[in-house]
N, C-alpha and C. Protein backbone atom coordinates (compact mmCIF):
# COMPACT_ATOMS: atom_id res chain seq x y z
N MET A 1 0.85 -1.17 0.00
CA MET A 1 0.00 0.00 0.00
C MET A 1 0.89 1.23 0.00
N PHE A 2 0.49 2.25 -0.78
CA PHE A 2 1.26 3.48 -0.83
C PHE A 2 0.31 4.67 -0.93
N GLN A 3 0.82 5.83 -0.62
CA GLN A 3 0.01 7.04 -0.65
C GLN A 3 0.23 7.74 -1.99
N LEU A 4 -0.87 8.15 -2.62
CA LEU A 4 -0.78 8.83 -3.91
C LEU A 4 -0.15 10.20 -3.73
N THR A 5 0.51 10.67 -4.79
CA THR A 5 1.04 12.03 -4.76
C THR A 5 -0.11 13.00 -4.98
N LEU A 6 0.13 14.26 -4.75
CA LEU A 6 -0.92 15.27 -4.89
C LEU A 6 -1.40 15.34 -6.34
N SER A 7 -0.48 15.28 -7.30
CA SER A 7 -0.90 15.36 -8.71
C SER A 7 -1.72 14.14 -9.11
N GLU A 8 -1.40 12.95 -8.58
CA GLU A 8 -2.19 11.75 -8.87
C GLU A 8 -3.59 11.88 -8.27
N ALA A 9 -3.66 12.39 -7.07
CA ALA A 9 -4.95 12.54 -6.40
C ALA A 9 -5.82 13.56 -7.13
N ILE A 10 -5.21 14.63 -7.60
CA ILE A 10 -5.97 15.65 -8.32
C ILE A 10 -6.53 15.09 -9.62
N SER A 11 -5.73 14.25 -10.31
CA SER A 11 -6.18 13.70 -11.57
C SER A 11 -7.32 12.69 -11.38
N LEU A 12 -7.47 12.15 -10.19
CA LEU A 12 -8.54 11.19 -9.93
C LEU A 12 -9.84 11.84 -9.48
N LYS A 13 -9.82 13.13 -9.14
CA LYS A 13 -11.01 13.78 -8.62
C LYS A 13 -12.10 13.86 -9.68
N SER A 14 -13.31 13.62 -9.25
CA SER A 14 -14.47 13.79 -10.09
C SER A 14 -15.01 15.21 -9.86
N GLN A 15 -15.23 15.95 -10.91
CA GLN A 15 -15.66 17.34 -10.76
C GLN A 15 -17.09 17.45 -10.23
N SER A 16 -17.92 16.45 -10.46
CA SER A 16 -19.31 16.56 -10.02
C SER A 16 -19.53 16.04 -8.60
N VAL A 17 -18.52 15.42 -7.99
CA VAL A 17 -18.71 14.82 -6.68
C VAL A 17 -17.68 15.33 -5.69
N ILE A 18 -17.23 16.56 -5.84
CA ILE A 18 -16.22 17.11 -4.93
C ILE A 18 -16.92 17.84 -3.80
N SER A 19 -16.58 17.48 -2.58
CA SER A 19 -17.15 18.19 -1.44
C SER A 19 -16.29 19.42 -1.16
N LYS A 20 -16.90 20.40 -0.54
CA LYS A 20 -16.17 21.62 -0.22
C LYS A 20 -15.21 21.34 0.93
N LYS A 21 -14.15 22.13 1.02
CA LYS A 21 -13.12 21.89 2.04
C LYS A 21 -13.68 21.97 3.46
N GLY A 22 -14.60 22.87 3.70
CA GLY A 22 -15.16 23.02 5.04
C GLY A 22 -16.24 22.01 5.37
N ARG A 23 -16.60 21.15 4.43
CA ARG A 23 -17.72 20.22 4.64
C ARG A 23 -17.28 18.76 4.61
N GLY A 24 -16.13 18.49 5.14
CA GLY A 24 -15.71 17.09 5.26
C GLY A 24 -14.97 16.57 4.05
N GLY A 25 -14.41 17.44 3.24
CA GLY A 25 -13.65 16.99 2.08
C GLY A 25 -12.36 16.30 2.49
N ARG A 26 -11.70 15.72 1.53
CA ARG A 26 -10.46 14.98 1.78
C ARG A 26 -9.38 15.94 2.27
N ARG A 27 -8.72 15.59 3.36
CA ARG A 27 -7.69 16.44 3.93
C ARG A 27 -6.29 15.93 3.65
N HIS A 28 -6.18 14.74 3.10
CA HIS A 28 -4.86 14.18 2.75
C HIS A 28 -5.03 13.33 1.50
N THR A 29 -3.94 13.01 0.87
CA THR A 29 -4.03 12.20 -0.34
C THR A 29 -4.38 10.76 0.03
N PRO A 30 -5.15 10.08 -0.83
CA PRO A 30 -5.59 8.72 -0.50
C PRO A 30 -4.48 7.69 -0.65
N TYR A 31 -4.73 6.53 -0.09
CA TYR A 31 -3.81 5.40 -0.21
C TYR A 31 -4.32 4.48 -1.31
N ALA A 32 -3.40 3.73 -1.92
CA ALA A 32 -3.77 2.78 -2.97
C ALA A 32 -3.01 1.48 -2.75
N PHE A 33 -3.58 0.39 -3.24
CA PHE A 33 -2.93 -0.91 -3.14
C PHE A 33 -2.24 -1.26 -4.45
N THR A 34 -1.11 -1.91 -4.34
CA THR A 34 -0.48 -2.52 -5.51
C THR A 34 -1.07 -3.92 -5.66
N GLU A 35 -0.78 -4.57 -6.77
CA GLU A 35 -1.28 -5.92 -6.98
C GLU A 35 -0.75 -6.87 -5.90
N LEU A 36 0.50 -6.71 -5.56
CA LEU A 36 1.10 -7.54 -4.51
C LEU A 36 0.44 -7.27 -3.16
N GLY A 37 0.12 -6.00 -2.90
CA GLY A 37 -0.55 -5.65 -1.65
C GLY A 37 -1.91 -6.31 -1.52
N VAL A 38 -2.66 -6.38 -2.64
CA VAL A 38 -3.97 -7.05 -2.61
C VAL A 38 -3.79 -8.53 -2.36
N ALA A 39 -2.77 -9.14 -2.99
CA ALA A 39 -2.53 -10.56 -2.77
C ALA A 39 -2.17 -10.83 -1.32
N MET A 40 -1.36 -9.96 -0.72
CA MET A 40 -0.99 -10.14 0.69
C MET A 40 -2.20 -9.94 1.59
N LEU A 41 -3.05 -8.99 1.25
CA LEU A 41 -4.25 -8.73 2.05
C LEU A 41 -5.19 -9.92 2.02
N SER A 42 -5.28 -10.59 0.88
CA SER A 42 -6.19 -11.74 0.78
C SER A 42 -5.73 -12.89 1.67
N SER A 43 -4.43 -12.96 1.96
CA SER A 43 -3.97 -14.02 2.84
C SER A 43 -4.29 -13.71 4.31
N VAL A 44 -4.59 -12.47 4.63
CA VAL A 44 -4.88 -12.07 6.01
C VAL A 44 -6.38 -12.10 6.30
N LEU A 45 -7.17 -11.60 5.35
CA LEU A 45 -8.62 -11.52 5.56
C LEU A 45 -9.28 -12.85 5.22
N ASN A 46 -10.22 -13.30 6.06
CA ASN A 46 -10.83 -14.61 5.87
C ASN A 46 -12.32 -14.57 5.59
N SER A 47 -12.97 -13.43 5.64
CA SER A 47 -14.42 -13.41 5.43
C SER A 47 -14.73 -13.66 3.95
N GLU A 48 -15.94 -14.16 3.71
CA GLU A 48 -16.35 -14.49 2.34
C GLU A 48 -16.36 -13.23 1.46
N ARG A 49 -16.85 -12.15 2.01
CA ARG A 49 -16.91 -10.90 1.24
C ARG A 49 -15.51 -10.39 0.91
N ALA A 50 -14.58 -10.48 1.86
CA ALA A 50 -13.21 -10.03 1.62
C ALA A 50 -12.56 -10.86 0.53
N VAL A 51 -12.80 -12.16 0.55
CA VAL A 51 -12.24 -13.04 -0.47
C VAL A 51 -12.81 -12.68 -1.85
N GLN A 52 -14.12 -12.46 -1.92
CA GLN A 52 -14.75 -12.09 -3.20
C GLN A 52 -14.21 -10.76 -3.73
N MET A 53 -14.04 -9.79 -2.84
CA MET A 53 -13.52 -8.49 -3.26
C MET A 53 -12.07 -8.61 -3.75
N ASN A 54 -11.27 -9.43 -3.06
CA ASN A 54 -9.89 -9.61 -3.49
C ASN A 54 -9.82 -10.29 -4.85
N ILE A 55 -10.69 -11.26 -5.10
CA ILE A 55 -10.74 -11.91 -6.42
C ILE A 55 -11.11 -10.88 -7.47
N PHE A 56 -12.09 -10.05 -7.16
CA PHE A 56 -12.53 -9.01 -8.10
C PHE A 56 -11.38 -8.04 -8.42
N ILE A 57 -10.67 -7.61 -7.38
CA ILE A 57 -9.56 -6.67 -7.57
C ILE A 57 -8.43 -7.31 -8.35
N MET A 58 -8.11 -8.57 -8.04
CA MET A 58 -7.04 -9.27 -8.76
C MET A 58 -7.40 -9.41 -10.24
N ARG A 59 -8.66 -9.69 -10.55
CA ARG A 59 -9.10 -9.77 -11.95
C ARG A 59 -8.95 -8.42 -12.64
N ALA A 60 -9.21 -7.36 -11.91
CA ALA A 60 -9.03 -6.01 -12.48
C ALA A 60 -7.57 -5.76 -12.81
N PHE A 61 -6.66 -6.17 -11.92
CA PHE A 61 -5.23 -6.02 -12.20
C PHE A 61 -4.82 -6.84 -13.42
N VAL A 62 -5.34 -8.06 -13.53
CA VAL A 62 -5.02 -8.91 -14.69
C VAL A 62 -5.52 -8.25 -15.98
N LYS A 63 -6.72 -7.72 -15.94
CA LYS A 63 -7.30 -7.05 -17.12
C LYS A 63 -6.47 -5.82 -17.49
N LEU A 64 -6.06 -5.06 -16.48
CA LEU A 64 -5.21 -3.90 -16.73
C LEU A 64 -3.90 -4.31 -17.39
N ARG A 65 -3.30 -5.38 -16.90
CA ARG A 65 -2.04 -5.86 -17.48
C ARG A 65 -2.25 -6.28 -18.94
N GLN A 66 -3.39 -6.92 -19.23
CA GLN A 66 -3.69 -7.33 -20.61
C GLN A 66 -3.86 -6.11 -21.51
N ILE A 67 -4.55 -5.10 -21.01
CA ILE A 67 -4.77 -3.89 -21.80
C ILE A 67 -3.45 -3.19 -22.08
N ILE A 68 -2.61 -3.10 -21.06
CA ILE A 68 -1.31 -2.42 -21.23
C ILE A 68 -0.44 -3.18 -22.21
N SER A 69 -0.39 -4.51 -22.09
CA SER A 69 0.46 -5.28 -23.00
C SER A 69 -0.08 -5.23 -24.42
N GLY A 70 -1.40 -5.15 -24.57
CA GLY A 70 -2.00 -5.04 -25.90
C GLY A 70 -1.77 -3.69 -26.53
N ASN A 71 -1.56 -2.69 -25.72
CA ASN A 71 -1.39 -1.33 -26.24
C ASN A 71 0.07 -0.93 -26.41
N LYS A 72 1.00 -1.83 -26.13
CA LYS A 72 2.41 -1.48 -26.30
C LYS A 72 2.71 -1.13 -27.75
N ASP A 73 2.10 -1.89 -28.66
CA ASP A 73 2.31 -1.61 -30.08
C ASP A 73 1.79 -0.22 -30.44
N ILE A 74 0.62 0.11 -29.92
CA ILE A 74 0.05 1.44 -30.18
C ILE A 74 0.93 2.51 -29.55
N ALA A 75 1.41 2.27 -28.34
CA ALA A 75 2.27 3.25 -27.67
C ALA A 75 3.55 3.46 -28.45
N ASN A 76 4.12 2.39 -28.98
CA ASN A 76 5.34 2.53 -29.79
C ASN A 76 5.07 3.34 -31.05
N LYS A 77 3.91 3.11 -31.68
CA LYS A 77 3.56 3.87 -32.88
C LYS A 77 3.36 5.35 -32.55
N VAL A 78 2.72 5.63 -31.42
CA VAL A 78 2.52 7.03 -31.01
C VAL A 78 3.87 7.70 -30.75
N ASN A 79 4.78 6.99 -30.06
CA ASN A 79 6.11 7.54 -29.81
C ASN A 79 6.84 7.82 -31.11
N LYS A 80 6.72 6.90 -32.08
CA LYS A 80 7.37 7.09 -33.38
C LYS A 80 6.78 8.30 -34.09
N LEU A 81 5.45 8.44 -34.03
CA LEU A 81 4.81 9.60 -34.66
C LEU A 81 5.27 10.90 -34.01
N GLU A 82 5.41 10.90 -32.69
CA GLU A 82 5.88 12.11 -32.00
C GLU A 82 7.30 12.45 -32.42
N LEU A 83 8.16 11.44 -32.54
CA LEU A 83 9.53 11.69 -33.00
C LEU A 83 9.54 12.21 -34.42
N ASP A 84 8.72 11.60 -35.29
CA ASP A 84 8.63 12.07 -36.68
C ASP A 84 8.13 13.51 -36.73
N GLN A 85 7.18 13.83 -35.89
CA GLN A 85 6.65 15.19 -35.86
C GLN A 85 7.72 16.18 -35.41
N MET A 86 8.51 15.79 -34.41
CA MET A 86 9.58 16.68 -33.95
C MET A 86 10.60 16.89 -35.06
N LYS A 87 10.92 15.82 -35.81
CA LYS A 87 11.85 15.96 -36.93
C LYS A 87 11.29 16.89 -37.99
N GLN A 88 9.99 16.73 -38.29
CA GLN A 88 9.36 17.60 -39.28
C GLN A 88 9.36 19.05 -38.82
N GLU A 89 9.14 19.27 -37.53
CA GLU A 89 9.15 20.64 -37.01
C GLU A 89 10.54 21.25 -37.15
N LEU A 90 11.59 20.46 -36.93
CA LEU A 90 12.96 20.96 -37.10
C LEU A 90 13.23 21.33 -38.54
N VAL A 91 12.78 20.47 -39.47
CA VAL A 91 12.97 20.75 -40.90
C VAL A 91 12.21 22.01 -41.28
N LEU A 92 10.97 22.14 -40.80
CA LEU A 92 10.18 23.33 -41.12
C LEU A 92 10.83 24.58 -40.55
N ALA A 93 11.41 24.49 -39.37
CA ALA A 93 12.08 25.65 -38.78
C ALA A 93 13.25 26.07 -39.66
N GLU A 94 14.00 25.11 -40.20
CA GLU A 94 15.11 25.44 -41.09
C GLU A 94 14.59 26.10 -42.36
N VAL A 95 13.50 25.56 -42.92
CA VAL A 95 12.92 26.13 -44.14
C VAL A 95 12.47 27.56 -43.88
N TYR A 96 11.80 27.79 -42.75
CA TYR A 96 11.34 29.13 -42.42
C TYR A 96 12.50 30.10 -42.27
N SER A 97 13.60 29.66 -41.67
CA SER A 97 14.74 30.57 -41.50
C SER A 97 15.34 30.95 -42.85
N VAL A 98 15.40 30.00 -43.78
CA VAL A 98 15.92 30.31 -45.12
C VAL A 98 14.97 31.27 -45.84
N VAL A 99 13.68 31.04 -45.73
CA VAL A 99 12.70 31.92 -46.38
C VAL A 99 12.79 33.32 -45.79
N ARG A 100 12.96 33.43 -44.47
CA ARG A 100 13.09 34.75 -43.84
C ARG A 100 14.32 35.50 -44.34
N LYS A 101 15.43 34.76 -44.55
CA LYS A 101 16.63 35.41 -45.08
C LYS A 101 16.36 36.01 -46.44
N PHE A 102 15.63 35.28 -47.28
CA PHE A 102 15.29 35.81 -48.60
C PHE A 102 14.35 37.00 -48.50
N MET A 103 13.42 36.95 -47.55
CA MET A 103 12.47 38.04 -47.40
C MET A 103 13.15 39.29 -46.85
N ASP A 104 14.14 39.12 -45.97
CA ASP A 104 14.82 40.25 -45.35
C ASP A 104 15.91 40.85 -46.24
N ALA A 105 16.38 40.09 -47.23
CA ALA A 105 17.46 40.58 -48.10
C ALA A 105 16.93 41.71 -48.98
N PRO A 106 17.76 42.75 -49.19
CA PRO A 106 17.30 43.85 -50.05
C PRO A 106 17.18 43.38 -51.50
N MET A 107 16.23 43.97 -52.19
CA MET A 107 16.01 43.62 -53.60
C MET A 107 17.12 44.26 -54.44
N PRO A 108 17.74 43.51 -55.35
CA PRO A 108 18.77 44.09 -56.20
C PRO A 108 18.16 45.09 -57.17
N ALA A 109 18.95 46.07 -57.57
CA ALA A 109 18.46 47.08 -58.51
C ALA A 109 18.20 46.42 -59.85
N LYS A 110 17.09 46.80 -60.46
CA LYS A 110 16.72 46.19 -61.74
C LYS A 110 17.48 46.88 -62.86
N GLU A 111 17.99 46.10 -63.77
CA GLU A 111 18.66 46.64 -64.94
C GLU A 111 17.62 46.85 -66.02
N LYS A 112 17.84 47.90 -66.81
CA LYS A 112 16.91 48.15 -67.90
C LYS A 112 17.15 47.14 -69.00
N ILE A 113 16.07 46.75 -69.60
CA ILE A 113 16.13 45.80 -70.68
C ILE A 113 16.05 46.56 -72.01
N GLY A 114 16.86 46.21 -72.96
CA GLY A 114 16.78 46.83 -74.29
C GLY A 114 18.07 47.56 -74.63
N PHE A 115 18.00 48.39 -75.70
CA PHE A 115 19.17 49.12 -76.19
C PHE A 115 19.25 50.49 -75.55
N ASP A 116 20.49 50.95 -75.39
CA ASP A 116 20.72 52.30 -74.86
C ASP A 116 20.77 53.24 -76.05
N THR A 117 19.83 54.14 -76.14
CA THR A 117 19.73 55.06 -77.28
C THR A 117 20.30 56.41 -76.97
N SER A 118 20.92 56.60 -75.83
CA SER A 118 21.43 57.91 -75.46
C SER A 118 22.76 58.19 -76.13
N GLY A 119 23.36 57.22 -76.78
CA GLY A 119 24.60 57.42 -77.49
C GLY A 119 25.84 57.30 -76.66
N ARG A 120 25.81 56.86 -75.57
CA ARG A 120 26.98 56.73 -74.71
C ARG A 120 27.78 55.56 -75.06
C-alpha cells in the first residue's frame, strides 16, 4: 500500500462529486494498493466478502495488465509519430529561417532591358 502524490490525487477527482473543504472533504491524499498488496491482504482476511472483493480486484489487475500489453504496439507507434513530428518541425524551422533570409534581403536594382539610345 502506498500514498498517492498530490498530482495523482488531483487527476482522480471527479468534478461533479467534490465536497467543499469546510464540509468534510479529503484532507490528505488517499492510499492505494499494488497488486502484490492485494494478494498479501487476501492471505490475512478470511471473510467471504473479503475473499470475493480480493478476487474481483485481482481480476481487475489482470485485465489492466492485458490492456497495457496489448497497447504497447500502439504506444510505440505514437512515440514514433511524435519523434517524426519533432523531426518535421525541425525541418520546417530550417525552411522558415531560409525563407526569412530571402524576405529580409534587399532587392537588387533592376537593370533596364533593351538598347541604350542615349549614345553613350
